[in-house]
Amino acid sequence: MPETTPDAAKALCERIRIALGKITWPRHPERKVTVSIGIAGSDGSCIIDAAKWVEAADSNLYAAKTNGRNRVVCSPVDGNLALAQAS
C-alpha cells in the first residue's frame, strides 16, 4: 500500500479482520471466519530489497498465527531490522 504508514495499514487490516469475522458461512453457520495478517512498513523512505520486505511481512504473519491467530501484527522496517509488535 504505497503512501500508507504502518499505523494506517494496520488500522485498515484490523477493519478487514473485523468485517471478515462478521461473515456467516451459509453451509456452516457455526464456524467463524478468521484471518491472520502480517504487515511490514515504513513511515518514510527505506531502501530494502523486495525479498526483505516479504520476509518481514511473512515473519509478522507467523507471529500473528503463533500468538493466537485472528490478529494483525505490524512492524516498522528501518534499515534491515523489523520487530514484530502484536496487536
Protein backbone atom coordinates (compact mmCIF):
# COMPACT_ATOMS: atom_id res chain seq x y z
CA MET A 1 0.00 0.00 0.00
CA PRO A 2 2.15 2.86 -1.25
CA GLU A 3 1.90 6.17 0.61
CA THR A 4 0.39 4.37 3.63
CA THR A 5 2.01 4.49 7.06
CA PRO A 6 2.37 1.26 9.04
CA ASP A 7 -0.24 2.51 11.54
CA ALA A 8 -2.74 3.31 8.76
CA ALA A 9 -2.10 -0.09 7.12
CA LYS A 10 -2.64 -1.82 10.45
CA ALA A 11 -5.89 0.09 11.04
CA LEU A 12 -7.16 -0.89 7.58
CA CYS A 13 -6.24 -4.54 8.12
CA GLU A 14 -7.98 -4.51 11.52
CA ARG A 15 -11.16 -3.25 9.83
CA ILE A 16 -10.86 -6.05 7.27
CA ARG A 17 -10.28 -8.63 10.02
CA ILE A 18 -13.33 -7.44 11.94
CA ALA A 19 -15.51 -7.38 8.80
CA LEU A 20 -14.46 -10.93 7.92
CA GLY A 21 -15.32 -12.03 11.45
CA LYS A 22 -18.92 -10.94 10.88
CA ILE A 23 -19.35 -13.23 7.87
CA THR A 24 -21.51 -16.30 8.35
CA TRP A 25 -20.96 -19.31 6.13
CA PRO A 26 -24.39 -20.45 4.88
CA ARG A 27 -23.42 -24.13 4.95
CA HIS A 28 -21.57 -23.92 8.29
CA PRO A 29 -23.03 -21.05 10.34
CA GLU A 30 -21.32 -22.37 13.49
CA ARG A 31 -17.88 -21.67 12.01
CA LYS A 32 -16.32 -18.23 12.23
CA VAL A 33 -14.23 -16.65 9.50
CA THR A 34 -10.86 -15.53 10.85
CA VAL A 35 -7.74 -14.06 9.32
CA SER A 36 -4.17 -13.52 10.45
CA ILE A 37 -2.29 -10.68 8.76
CA GLY A 38 1.39 -9.73 8.78
CA ILE A 39 2.46 -6.22 7.79
CA ALA A 40 5.88 -4.62 7.39
CA GLY A 41 6.04 -0.93 6.65
CA SER A 42 7.96 2.30 6.80
CA ASP A 43 6.97 5.87 7.64
CA GLY A 44 9.39 7.22 5.05
CA SER A 45 11.98 6.23 2.53
CA CYS A 46 13.53 2.88 3.28
CA ILE A 47 15.97 1.16 0.95
CA ILE A 48 15.35 -2.56 1.35
CA ASP A 49 15.01 -5.08 -1.44
CA ALA A 50 11.65 -6.76 -2.08
CA ALA A 51 12.76 -10.07 -0.56
CA LYS A 52 13.46 -8.38 2.81
CA TRP A 53 10.01 -6.73 2.78
CA VAL A 54 8.34 -10.08 2.10
CA GLU A 55 10.48 -11.76 4.75
CA ALA A 56 9.48 -9.15 7.35
CA ALA A 57 5.77 -9.38 6.49
CA ASP A 58 5.95 -13.19 6.50
CA SER A 59 7.65 -13.15 9.89
CA ASN A 60 4.82 -10.97 11.22
CA LEU A 61 2.23 -13.32 9.72
CA TYR A 62 3.77 -16.26 11.58
CA ALA A 63 3.89 -14.16 14.77
CA ALA A 64 0.15 -13.50 14.35
CA LYS A 65 -0.54 -17.20 13.96
CA THR A 66 1.75 -18.21 16.83
CA ASN A 67 0.26 -15.64 19.23
CA GLY A 68 -3.32 -16.82 18.93
CA ARG A 69 -4.38 -16.27 15.30
CA ASN A 70 -7.10 -13.92 14.09
CA ARG A 71 -4.94 -10.85 14.62
CA VAL A 72 -2.85 -8.27 12.81
CA VAL A 73 0.87 -7.97 13.53
CA CYS A 74 2.66 -4.94 12.16
CA SER A 75 6.24 -3.81 12.47
CA PRO A 76 8.14 -0.81 11.20
CA VAL A 77 11.08 -1.52 8.94
CA ASP A 78 14.23 0.56 9.38
CA GLY A 79 17.35 -0.46 7.51
CA ASN A 80 17.40 -4.24 7.75
CA LEU A 81 15.52 -4.60 11.04
CA ALA A 82 11.86 -5.47 11.59
CA LEU A 83 10.48 -6.24 15.04
CA ALA A 84 7.03 -7.82 15.43
CA GLN A 85 4.55 -5.92 17.57
CA ALA A 86 1.37 -7.93 18.21
CA SER A 87 -1.94 -6.11 18.41
